[in-house]
């Protein structure tokens, strides 16, 4: 009885984590819903420290990979659309490598969603070929890196063209 209760609680906590507090249950655009919540959760952290956000991202990514592997080993589908903890990893990587401003947050969100949805180049390869938690988290992590690079390039271009 005690073991089954622990197992049920463990499953419920895992599902809450993987769906990012159930935002992944959104009937439409669950990835966008998860990305919005991830952005809101990141704002107070990144305002304090980009390094802290980055280190938390690495920690959460490690847990996410492990928990997704367990989730899938229980017979659940690979890259279940309800799982959006990978969106948190991608968005937090984006925000941890860009300057903190409302413009960079907005641009980072747009670029991340663009790359996460379209899955260009290596992002698509990881999405199609990598299995388990590493595959689920890996494509979003790379989309986050690419989004962050794009935001930084835009800021640099703006600066070179005589902007602030």
N, C-alpha and C. Protein backbone atom coordinates (compact mmCIF):
# COMPACT_ATOMS: atom_id res chain seq x y z
N UNK A 1 0.83 -1.19 0.00
CA UNK A 1 0.00 0.00 0.00
C UNK A 1 0.87 1.26 0.00
N UNK A 2 1.85 1.28 0.90
CA UNK A 2 2.74 2.43 1.01
C UNK A 2 3.54 2.62 -0.27
N UNK A 3 4.07 1.51 -0.84
CA UNK A 3 4.85 1.58 -2.07
C UNK A 3 4.01 2.06 -3.24
N UNK A 4 2.76 1.62 -3.33
CA UNK A 4 1.91 2.04 -4.44
C UNK A 4 1.54 3.52 -4.31
N UNK A 5 1.36 3.99 -3.09
CA UNK A 5 1.07 5.41 -2.86
C UNK A 5 2.28 6.26 -3.26
N UNK A 6 3.46 5.81 -2.91
CA UNK A 6 4.69 6.52 -3.29
C UNK A 6 4.85 6.53 -4.81
N UNK A 7 4.54 5.41 -5.44
CA UNK A 7 4.62 5.31 -6.89
C UNK A 7 3.64 6.26 -7.57
N UNK A 8 2.42 6.34 -7.06
CA UNK A 8 1.42 7.25 -7.62
C UNK A 8 1.86 8.70 -7.44
N UNK A 9 2.34 9.04 -6.25
CA UNK A 9 2.79 10.42 -5.99
C UNK A 9 3.98 10.77 -6.88
N UNK A 10 4.89 9.81 -7.04
CA UNK A 10 6.06 10.03 -7.89
C UNK A 10 5.63 10.30 -9.33
N UNK A 11 4.65 9.53 -9.82
CA UNK A 11 4.14 9.72 -11.17
C UNK A 11 3.48 11.07 -11.34
N UNK A 12 2.72 11.50 -10.34
CA UNK A 12 2.03 12.79 -10.40
C UNK A 12 3.03 13.95 -10.38
N UNK A 13 4.04 13.85 -9.55
CA UNK A 13 5.08 14.89 -9.49
C UNK A 13 5.85 14.93 -10.80
N UNK A 14 6.18 13.76 -11.34
CA UNK A 14 6.89 13.69 -12.62
C UNK A 14 6.07 14.37 -13.72
N UNK A 15 4.76 14.06 -13.76
CA UNK A 15 3.90 14.63 -14.80
C UNK A 15 3.78 16.15 -14.64
N UNK A 16 3.68 16.61 -13.42
CA UNK A 16 3.62 18.06 -13.15
C UNK A 16 4.91 18.73 -13.63
N UNK A 17 6.04 18.13 -13.36
CA UNK A 17 7.35 18.65 -13.80
C UNK A 17 7.45 18.64 -15.32
N UNK A 18 7.15 17.51 -15.93
CA UNK A 18 7.31 17.38 -17.38
C UNK A 18 6.36 18.28 -18.16
N UNK A 19 5.16 18.52 -17.62
CA UNK A 19 4.19 19.39 -18.29
C UNK A 19 4.33 20.84 -17.84
N UNK A 20 5.35 21.12 -17.07
CA UNK A 20 5.62 22.46 -16.54
C UNK A 20 4.38 23.03 -15.88
N UNK A 21 4.05 22.42 -14.75
CA UNK A 21 2.88 22.80 -13.96
C UNK A 21 1.60 22.74 -14.79
N UNK A 22 1.52 21.73 -15.64
CA UNK A 22 0.35 21.42 -16.45
C UNK A 22 0.10 22.40 -17.60
N UNK A 23 1.03 23.29 -17.88
CA UNK A 23 0.86 24.19 -19.03
C UNK A 23 0.87 23.40 -20.34
N UNK A 24 1.50 22.25 -20.34
CA UNK A 24 1.53 21.40 -21.52
C UNK A 24 0.19 20.76 -21.85
N UNK A 25 -0.77 20.92 -20.96
CA UNK A 25 -2.11 20.38 -21.21
C UNK A 25 -2.98 21.35 -21.99
N UNK A 26 -2.42 22.49 -22.35
CA UNK A 26 -3.17 23.47 -23.14
C UNK A 26 -3.68 22.77 -24.41
N UNK A 27 -4.98 22.94 -24.72
CA UNK A 27 -5.54 22.23 -25.88
C UNK A 27 -4.96 22.69 -27.22
N UNK A 28 -4.46 23.90 -27.27
CA UNK A 28 -3.84 24.41 -28.49
C UNK A 28 -2.48 25.00 -28.13
N UNK A 29 -1.51 24.76 -28.98
CA UNK A 29 -0.17 25.35 -28.85
C UNK A 29 0.44 25.11 -27.47
N UNK A 30 0.51 23.86 -27.08
CA UNK A 30 1.06 23.54 -25.76
C UNK A 30 2.52 23.98 -25.63
N UNK A 31 3.28 23.90 -26.72
CA UNK A 31 4.67 24.35 -26.68
C UNK A 31 4.78 25.85 -26.45
N UNK A 32 3.89 26.60 -27.05
CA UNK A 32 3.88 28.05 -26.85
C UNK A 32 3.44 28.38 -25.42
N UNK A 33 2.43 27.67 -24.92
CA UNK A 33 1.99 27.88 -23.54
C UNK A 33 3.13 27.60 -22.57
N UNK A 34 3.84 26.50 -22.79
CA UNK A 34 4.98 26.18 -21.94
C UNK A 34 6.10 27.21 -22.06
N UNK A 35 6.32 27.72 -23.26
CA UNK A 35 7.36 28.74 -23.47
C UNK A 35 7.01 30.04 -22.78
N UNK A 36 5.74 30.40 -22.80
CA UNK A 36 5.30 31.63 -22.12
C UNK A 36 5.52 31.49 -20.62
N UNK A 37 5.09 30.36 -20.05
CA UNK A 37 5.30 30.15 -18.61
C UNK A 37 6.79 30.11 -18.28
N UNK A 38 7.57 29.45 -19.10
CA UNK A 38 9.02 29.37 -18.87
C UNK A 38 9.64 30.77 -18.87
N UNK A 39 9.20 31.62 -19.79
CA UNK A 39 9.72 32.99 -19.86
C UNK A 39 9.35 33.75 -18.59
N UNK A 40 8.12 33.65 -18.18
CA UNK A 40 7.69 34.35 -16.96
C UNK A 40 8.46 33.87 -15.73
N UNK A 41 8.71 32.57 -15.66
CA UNK A 41 9.48 32.03 -14.53
C UNK A 41 10.93 32.49 -14.56
N UNK A 42 11.46 32.72 -15.75
CA UNK A 42 12.86 33.11 -15.89
C UNK A 42 13.12 34.57 -15.55
N UNK A 43 12.14 35.42 -15.75
CA UNK A 43 12.37 36.87 -15.63
C UNK A 43 13.00 37.30 -14.30
N UNK A 44 12.47 36.87 -13.15
CA UNK A 44 13.12 37.32 -11.91
C UNK A 44 14.52 36.74 -11.72
N UNK A 45 14.75 35.57 -12.28
CA UNK A 45 16.07 34.94 -12.13
C UNK A 45 17.09 35.64 -13.01
N UNK A 46 16.75 35.86 -14.29
CA UNK A 46 17.70 36.46 -15.22
C UNK A 46 17.94 37.93 -14.87
N UNK A 47 16.96 38.60 -14.27
CA UNK A 47 17.17 39.98 -13.82
C UNK A 47 18.21 40.02 -12.72
N UNK A 48 18.29 38.94 -11.96
CA UNK A 48 19.28 38.82 -10.89
C UNK A 48 20.64 38.38 -11.42
N UNK A 49 20.64 37.34 -12.27
CA UNK A 49 21.90 36.79 -12.74
C UNK A 49 21.71 35.85 -13.93
N UNK A 50 22.37 36.18 -15.03
CA UNK A 50 22.36 35.29 -16.20
C UNK A 50 23.02 33.96 -15.86
N UNK A 51 24.09 34.00 -15.08
CA UNK A 51 24.81 32.77 -14.73
C UNK A 51 23.94 31.83 -13.91
N UNK A 52 23.17 32.39 -12.97
CA UNK A 52 22.28 31.56 -12.17
C UNK A 52 21.24 30.89 -13.04
N UNK A 53 20.67 31.64 -13.97
CA UNK A 53 19.67 31.06 -14.88
C UNK A 53 20.29 29.94 -15.70
N UNK A 54 21.50 30.16 -16.19
CA UNK A 54 22.17 29.15 -17.01
C UNK A 54 22.43 27.88 -16.20
N UNK A 55 22.94 28.03 -14.99
CA UNK A 55 23.23 26.86 -14.16
C UNK A 55 21.96 26.11 -13.77
N UNK A 56 20.89 26.85 -13.46
CA UNK A 56 19.61 26.19 -13.19
C UNK A 56 19.10 25.44 -14.42
N UNK A 57 19.34 26.02 -15.59
CA UNK A 57 18.92 25.37 -16.84
C UNK A 57 19.62 24.03 -17.01
N UNK A 58 20.91 24.01 -16.75
CA UNK A 58 21.66 22.75 -16.86
C UNK A 58 21.13 21.71 -15.89
N UNK A 59 20.85 22.13 -14.67
CA UNK A 59 20.31 21.23 -13.65
C UNK A 59 18.94 20.67 -14.08
N UNK A 60 18.07 21.56 -14.52
CA UNK A 60 16.73 21.14 -14.94
C UNK A 60 16.81 20.26 -16.18
N UNK A 61 17.71 20.58 -17.10
CA UNK A 61 17.86 19.75 -18.31
C UNK A 61 18.26 18.33 -17.94
N UNK A 62 19.19 18.19 -17.01
CA UNK A 62 19.59 16.85 -16.55
C UNK A 62 18.44 16.07 -15.96
N UNK A 63 17.68 16.73 -15.07
CA UNK A 63 16.50 16.08 -14.49
C UNK A 63 15.48 15.75 -15.57
N UNK A 64 15.27 16.67 -16.50
CA UNK A 64 14.27 16.46 -17.56
C UNK A 64 14.62 15.24 -18.40
N UNK A 65 15.87 15.12 -18.79
CA UNK A 65 16.29 13.97 -19.60
C UNK A 65 16.00 12.66 -18.86
N UNK A 66 16.37 12.62 -17.59
CA UNK A 66 16.16 11.41 -16.79
C UNK A 66 14.67 11.12 -16.62
N UNK A 67 13.88 12.13 -16.30
CA UNK A 67 12.45 11.92 -16.06
C UNK A 67 11.70 11.57 -17.35
N UNK A 68 12.11 12.14 -18.47
CA UNK A 68 11.50 11.79 -19.75
C UNK A 68 11.82 10.33 -20.10
N UNK A 69 13.04 9.91 -19.84
CA UNK A 69 13.40 8.50 -20.07
C UNK A 69 12.50 7.57 -19.25
N UNK A 70 12.27 7.92 -17.99
CA UNK A 70 11.39 7.10 -17.13
C UNK A 70 9.97 7.14 -17.68
N UNK A 71 9.48 8.32 -18.01
CA UNK A 71 8.13 8.50 -18.55
C UNK A 71 7.92 7.64 -19.79
N UNK A 72 8.89 7.68 -20.71
CA UNK A 72 8.76 6.90 -21.94
C UNK A 72 8.90 5.40 -21.68
N UNK A 73 9.72 5.02 -20.70
CA UNK A 73 9.89 3.60 -20.39
C UNK A 73 8.61 3.00 -19.80
N UNK A 74 7.72 3.85 -19.31
CA UNK A 74 6.44 3.39 -18.76
C UNK A 74 5.38 3.22 -19.85
N UNK A 75 5.81 3.30 -21.12
CA UNK A 75 4.89 3.07 -22.23
C UNK A 75 4.27 4.33 -22.81
N UNK A 76 4.69 5.48 -22.33
CA UNK A 76 4.17 6.73 -22.86
C UNK A 76 4.89 7.08 -24.16
N UNK A 77 4.26 7.86 -25.03
CA UNK A 77 4.85 8.14 -26.35
C UNK A 77 6.11 9.01 -26.27
N UNK A 78 6.99 8.80 -27.25
CA UNK A 78 8.18 9.63 -27.36
C UNK A 78 7.77 11.04 -27.75
N UNK A 79 8.36 12.02 -27.10
CA UNK A 79 8.12 13.44 -27.36
C UNK A 79 6.63 13.78 -27.32
N UNK A 80 5.99 13.29 -26.28
CA UNK A 80 4.58 13.59 -26.02
C UNK A 80 4.39 15.11 -26.03
N UNK A 81 3.42 15.59 -26.78
CA UNK A 81 3.21 17.04 -26.93
C UNK A 81 2.86 17.72 -25.62
N UNK A 82 2.45 16.95 -24.63
CA UNK A 82 2.13 17.53 -23.31
C UNK A 82 3.40 17.85 -22.52
N UNK A 83 4.51 17.22 -22.90
CA UNK A 83 5.78 17.48 -22.23
C UNK A 83 6.35 18.79 -22.76
N UNK A 84 6.47 19.78 -21.88
CA UNK A 84 6.98 21.09 -22.30
C UNK A 84 8.14 21.57 -21.42
N UNK A 85 8.67 20.69 -20.59
CA UNK A 85 9.84 21.08 -19.79
C UNK A 85 11.01 21.38 -20.73
N UNK A 86 11.02 20.76 -21.91
CA UNK A 86 12.06 21.04 -22.90
C UNK A 86 11.96 22.48 -23.42
N UNK A 87 10.75 23.04 -23.46
CA UNK A 87 10.59 24.45 -23.83
C UNK A 87 11.23 25.35 -22.79
N UNK A 88 11.09 24.97 -21.52
CA UNK A 88 11.75 25.75 -20.47
C UNK A 88 13.26 25.74 -20.68
N UNK A 89 13.82 24.58 -20.96
CA UNK A 89 15.26 24.49 -21.17
C UNK A 89 15.69 25.39 -22.33
N UNK A 90 14.98 25.31 -23.44
CA UNK A 90 15.33 26.14 -24.61
C UNK A 90 15.20 27.62 -24.35
N UNK A 91 14.07 28.02 -23.75
CA UNK A 91 13.86 29.45 -23.47
C UNK A 91 14.89 29.97 -22.46
N UNK A 92 15.17 29.19 -21.45
CA UNK A 92 16.12 29.64 -20.44
C UNK A 92 17.53 29.74 -21.00
N UNK A 93 17.89 28.86 -21.92
CA UNK A 93 19.20 29.00 -22.58
C UNK A 93 19.21 30.31 -23.36
N UNK A 94 18.16 30.56 -24.14
CA UNK A 94 18.07 31.80 -24.90
C UNK A 94 18.26 33.01 -24.00
N UNK A 95 17.49 33.05 -22.92
CA UNK A 95 17.52 34.23 -22.03
C UNK A 95 18.82 34.35 -21.24
N UNK A 96 19.48 33.23 -21.02
CA UNK A 96 20.72 33.29 -20.24
C UNK A 96 21.91 33.76 -21.08
N UNK A 97 21.77 33.76 -22.41
CA UNK A 97 22.91 34.19 -23.25
C UNK A 97 22.62 35.49 -23.99
N UNK A 98 21.52 36.15 -23.65
CA UNK A 98 21.20 37.44 -24.28
C UNK A 98 21.16 38.52 -23.22
N UNK A 99 21.34 39.77 -23.63
CA UNK A 99 21.23 40.86 -22.64
C UNK A 99 19.81 40.92 -22.09
N UNK A 100 19.67 41.39 -20.88
CA UNK A 100 18.34 41.46 -20.28
C UNK A 100 17.68 42.79 -20.61
N UNK A 101 16.66 42.72 -21.46
CA UNK A 101 15.80 43.86 -21.77
C UNK A 101 14.49 43.28 -22.28
N UNK A 102 13.45 44.08 -22.29
CA UNK A 102 12.16 43.60 -22.78
C UNK A 102 12.24 43.25 -24.26
N UNK A 103 13.05 44.01 -25.00
CA UNK A 103 13.21 43.73 -26.43
C UNK A 103 13.89 42.38 -26.63
N UNK A 104 14.96 42.12 -25.87
CA UNK A 104 15.66 40.85 -26.04
C UNK A 104 14.80 39.67 -25.58
N UNK A 105 14.00 39.87 -24.55
CA UNK A 105 13.10 38.80 -24.10
C UNK A 105 12.09 38.49 -25.21
N UNK A 106 11.49 39.53 -25.78
CA UNK A 106 10.52 39.33 -26.86
C UNK A 106 11.13 38.70 -28.09
N UNK A 107 12.29 39.22 -28.51
CA UNK A 107 12.96 38.65 -29.68
C UNK A 107 13.40 37.21 -29.41
N UNK A 108 13.92 36.96 -28.23
CA UNK A 108 14.34 35.61 -27.86
C UNK A 108 13.18 34.64 -27.92
N UNK A 109 12.03 35.07 -27.39
CA UNK A 109 10.83 34.22 -27.43
C UNK A 109 10.44 33.92 -28.87
N UNK A 110 10.41 34.95 -29.71
CA UNK A 110 10.00 34.76 -31.12
C UNK A 110 10.97 33.86 -31.87
N UNK A 111 12.28 34.11 -31.71
CA UNK A 111 13.26 33.26 -32.39
C UNK A 111 13.20 31.82 -31.88
N UNK A 112 13.09 31.66 -30.56
CA UNK A 112 13.03 30.30 -30.03
C UNK A 112 11.83 29.54 -30.58
N UNK A 113 10.65 30.17 -30.57
CA UNK A 113 9.46 29.50 -31.08
C UNK A 113 9.62 29.18 -32.58
N UNK A 114 10.19 30.12 -33.33
CA UNK A 114 10.42 29.90 -34.76
C UNK A 114 11.28 28.66 -34.99
N UNK A 115 12.41 28.59 -34.27
CA UNK A 115 13.33 27.47 -34.47
C UNK A 115 12.76 26.17 -33.89
N UNK A 116 12.01 26.26 -32.80
CA UNK A 116 11.43 25.06 -32.21
C UNK A 116 10.33 24.48 -33.09
N UNK A 117 9.58 25.35 -33.75
CA UNK A 117 8.49 24.88 -34.61
C UNK A 117 9.01 24.39 -35.96
N UNK A 118 9.90 25.17 -36.58
CA UNK A 118 10.37 24.82 -37.93
C UNK A 118 11.48 23.78 -37.93
N UNK A 119 12.24 23.70 -36.85
CA UNK A 119 13.32 22.73 -36.68
C UNK A 119 14.30 22.70 -37.86
N UNK A 120 14.93 23.84 -38.14
CA UNK A 120 15.88 23.86 -39.25
C UNK A 120 17.17 23.10 -38.93
N UNK A 121 17.79 22.59 -39.95
CA UNK A 121 19.14 22.03 -39.90
C UNK A 121 19.31 20.97 -38.80
N UNK A 122 20.32 21.14 -37.99
CA UNK A 122 20.69 20.16 -36.96
C UNK A 122 19.59 19.99 -35.91
N UNK A 123 18.78 21.03 -35.69
CA UNK A 123 17.67 20.91 -34.74
C UNK A 123 16.72 19.80 -35.20
N UNK A 124 16.41 19.79 -36.48
CA UNK A 124 15.53 18.76 -37.05
C UNK A 124 16.15 17.37 -37.00
N UNK A 125 17.45 17.30 -37.22
CA UNK A 125 18.15 16.02 -37.17
C UNK A 125 18.06 15.44 -35.75
N UNK A 126 18.33 16.28 -34.75
CA UNK A 126 18.24 15.82 -33.36
C UNK A 126 16.82 15.37 -33.05
N UNK A 127 15.84 16.17 -33.49
CA UNK A 127 14.44 15.85 -33.23
C UNK A 127 14.05 14.49 -33.82
N UNK A 128 14.54 14.19 -35.02
CA UNK A 128 14.15 12.95 -35.70
C UNK A 128 14.97 11.73 -35.25
N UNK A 129 16.24 11.93 -34.96
CA UNK A 129 17.12 10.77 -34.75
C UNK A 129 17.46 10.46 -33.30
N UNK A 130 17.54 11.47 -32.44
CA UNK A 130 17.90 11.22 -31.05
C UNK A 130 16.70 10.65 -30.30
N UNK A 131 16.92 9.66 -29.51
CA UNK A 131 15.84 8.98 -28.80
C UNK A 131 15.81 9.40 -27.33
N UNK A 132 14.69 9.10 -26.70
CA UNK A 132 14.56 9.33 -25.26
C UNK A 132 14.61 10.79 -24.87
N UNK A 133 14.92 10.99 -23.61
CA UNK A 133 14.96 12.34 -23.05
C UNK A 133 15.96 13.25 -23.72
N UNK A 134 17.09 12.68 -24.14
CA UNK A 134 18.11 13.50 -24.80
C UNK A 134 17.58 14.06 -26.11
N UNK A 135 16.80 13.29 -26.84
CA UNK A 135 16.21 13.77 -28.08
C UNK A 135 15.16 14.84 -27.85
N UNK A 136 14.33 14.63 -26.82
CA UNK A 136 13.26 15.58 -26.51
C UNK A 136 13.85 16.92 -26.08
N UNK A 137 14.86 16.89 -25.22
CA UNK A 137 15.45 18.12 -24.70
C UNK A 137 16.49 18.70 -25.66
N UNK A 138 17.20 17.85 -26.37
CA UNK A 138 18.31 18.29 -27.21
C UNK A 138 17.93 19.27 -28.30
N UNK A 139 16.83 19.00 -29.01
CA UNK A 139 16.47 19.91 -30.09
C UNK A 139 16.06 21.28 -29.56
N UNK A 140 15.40 21.31 -28.41
CA UNK A 140 15.00 22.60 -27.82
C UNK A 140 16.20 23.35 -27.27
N UNK A 141 17.15 22.62 -26.70
CA UNK A 141 18.37 23.27 -26.21
C UNK A 141 19.12 23.93 -27.36
N UNK A 142 19.23 23.22 -28.48
CA UNK A 142 19.91 23.79 -29.64
C UNK A 142 19.12 24.96 -30.22
N UNK A 143 17.79 24.85 -30.24
CA UNK A 143 16.95 25.97 -30.70
C UNK A 143 17.17 27.19 -29.80
N UNK A 144 17.35 26.96 -28.51
CA UNK A 144 17.62 28.05 -27.57
C UNK A 144 18.96 28.71 -27.82
N UNK A 145 19.97 27.91 -28.10
CA UNK A 145 21.30 28.47 -28.42
C UNK A 145 21.21 29.31 -29.70
N UNK A 146 20.57 28.76 -30.72
CA UNK A 146 20.45 29.48 -31.98
C UNK A 146 19.64 30.77 -31.81
N UNK A 147 18.56 30.72 -31.04
CA UNK A 147 17.75 31.92 -30.79
C UNK A 147 18.58 32.98 -30.07
N UNK A 148 19.36 32.55 -29.08
CA UNK A 148 20.21 33.50 -28.36
C UNK A 148 21.26 34.14 -29.26
N UNK A 149 21.84 33.34 -30.14
CA UNK A 149 22.82 33.88 -31.09
C UNK A 149 22.16 34.91 -32.00
N UNK A 150 20.97 34.61 -32.48
CA UNK A 150 20.26 35.55 -33.37
C UNK A 150 19.95 36.87 -32.67
N UNK A 151 19.50 36.80 -31.43
CA UNK A 151 19.23 38.03 -30.67
C UNK A 151 20.51 38.84 -30.52
N UNK A 152 21.59 38.18 -30.16
CA UNK A 152 22.86 38.89 -29.99
C UNK A 152 23.36 39.49 -31.30
N UNK A 153 23.18 38.76 -32.40
CA UNK A 153 23.57 39.29 -33.71
C UNK A 153 22.75 40.52 -34.07
N UNK A 154 21.45 40.48 -33.80
CA UNK A 154 20.61 41.65 -34.07
C UNK A 154 21.04 42.86 -33.24
N UNK A 155 21.35 42.64 -31.98
CA UNK A 155 21.82 43.74 -31.12
C UNK A 155 23.15 44.29 -31.63
N UNK A 156 24.03 43.42 -32.05
CA UNK A 156 25.33 43.85 -32.57
C UNK A 156 25.14 44.63 -33.87
N UNK A 157 24.30 44.14 -34.76
CA UNK A 157 24.02 44.84 -36.02
C UNK A 157 23.42 46.21 -35.75
N UNK A 158 22.48 46.28 -34.84
CA UNK A 158 21.87 47.56 -34.46
C UNK A 158 22.93 48.54 -33.95
N UNK A 159 23.83 48.02 -33.14
CA UNK A 159 24.90 48.85 -32.57
C UNK A 159 25.84 49.34 -33.69
N UNK A 160 26.18 48.46 -34.62
CA UNK A 160 27.07 48.84 -35.71
C UNK A 160 26.45 49.86 -36.65
N UNK A 161 25.13 49.83 -36.76
CA UNK A 161 24.42 50.76 -37.64
C UNK A 161 24.11 52.09 -36.95
N UNK A 162 24.69 52.30 -35.78
CA UNK A 162 24.56 53.59 -35.11
C UNK A 162 23.48 53.63 -34.06
N UNK A 163 22.92 52.50 -33.68
CA UNK A 163 21.91 52.46 -32.63
C UNK A 163 22.56 52.68 -31.28
N UNK A 164 21.76 52.59 -30.26
CA UNK A 164 22.21 52.84 -28.88
C UNK A 164 23.38 52.04 -28.51
